[in-house]
Amino acid sequence: MACVVAEKGVFTMNPYEKMYRQLLENGAIAWAGEGYLRAKKQQERVFSWLDLQQYFPQPGAPVL
């Protein structure tokens, strides 16, 4: 479950996680079942673009 700290140890659901769960509840296919290959290909395209634009740190770079 994706959560974020709101204040003083109170956790709330990430808004994107909430939307994702609502879509799944309404029958949308995402990372499960038939939608996996489509989603994986899209993820690879996004990561490739991010790499080409040099958004990723160089190998061995410290990352927080």
Protein backbone atom coordinates (compact mmCIF):
# COMPACT_ATOMS: atom_id res chain seq x y z
CA MET A 1 0.00 0.00 0.00
CA ALA A 2 1.37 3.40 -0.95
CA CYS A 3 1.09 5.79 1.97
CA VAL A 4 2.50 9.15 2.82
CA VAL A 5 3.09 10.74 6.20
CA ALA A 6 0.56 13.51 6.75
CA GLU A 7 1.56 14.72 10.20
CA LYS A 8 2.80 13.28 13.47
CA GLY A 9 2.81 9.66 12.31
CA VAL A 10 -0.63 9.76 10.69
CA PHE A 11 -0.56 7.98 7.35
CA THR A 12 -2.84 8.78 4.44
CA MET A 13 -3.15 6.97 1.14
CA ASN A 14 -1.24 8.43 -1.80
CA PRO A 15 -3.84 10.16 -4.05
CA TYR A 16 -2.61 8.21 -7.09
CA GLU A 17 -2.97 4.93 -5.19
CA LYS A 18 -6.53 5.94 -4.30
CA MET A 19 -7.38 6.65 -7.96
CA TYR A 20 -5.74 3.36 -9.01
CA ARG A 21 -7.81 1.39 -6.50
CA GLN A 22 -11.01 3.12 -7.61
CA LEU A 23 -10.26 2.25 -11.24
CA LEU A 24 -9.64 -1.38 -10.30
CA GLU A 25 -12.89 -1.50 -8.30
CA ASN A 26 -14.74 -0.22 -11.39
CA GLY A 27 -13.32 -3.00 -13.56
CA ALA A 28 -10.35 -1.22 -15.15
CA ILE A 29 -7.46 -3.46 -16.14
CA ALA A 30 -4.06 -2.09 -15.21
CA TRP A 31 -1.02 -4.03 -14.00
CA ALA A 32 -2.97 -7.21 -13.50
CA GLY A 33 -4.06 -9.81 -16.02
CA GLU A 34 -4.42 -8.74 -19.63
CA GLY A 35 -3.24 -5.19 -18.97
CA TYR A 36 0.21 -6.22 -17.74
CA LEU A 37 2.01 -6.31 -21.10
CA ARG A 38 0.53 -2.97 -22.18
CA ALA A 39 1.49 -1.33 -18.90
CA LYS A 40 4.98 -2.85 -18.93
CA LYS A 41 5.64 -1.61 -22.48
CA GLN A 42 4.47 1.88 -21.52
CA GLN A 43 6.68 1.84 -18.44
CA GLU A 44 9.68 0.87 -20.58
CA ARG A 45 8.94 3.76 -22.99
CA VAL A 46 8.75 6.21 -20.09
CA PHE A 47 11.98 4.94 -18.52
CA SER A 48 13.73 5.09 -21.88
CA TRP A 49 12.63 8.71 -22.39
CA LEU A 50 13.71 9.64 -18.85
CA ASP A 51 17.10 8.05 -19.51
CA LEU A 52 17.53 9.89 -22.83
CA GLN A 53 16.70 13.18 -21.12
CA GLN A 54 19.30 12.36 -18.44
CA TYR A 55 16.82 12.45 -15.57
CA PHE A 56 18.38 9.36 -14.00
CA PRO A 57 21.56 9.73 -11.96
CA GLN A 58 24.79 8.29 -13.30
CA PRO A 59 25.65 4.76 -12.11
CA GLY A 60 27.27 4.90 -8.68
CA ALA A 61 25.90 8.36 -7.88
CA PRO A 62 24.54 8.82 -4.34
CA VAL A 63 20.76 9.02 -4.34
CA LEU A 64 18.41 9.91 -1.52
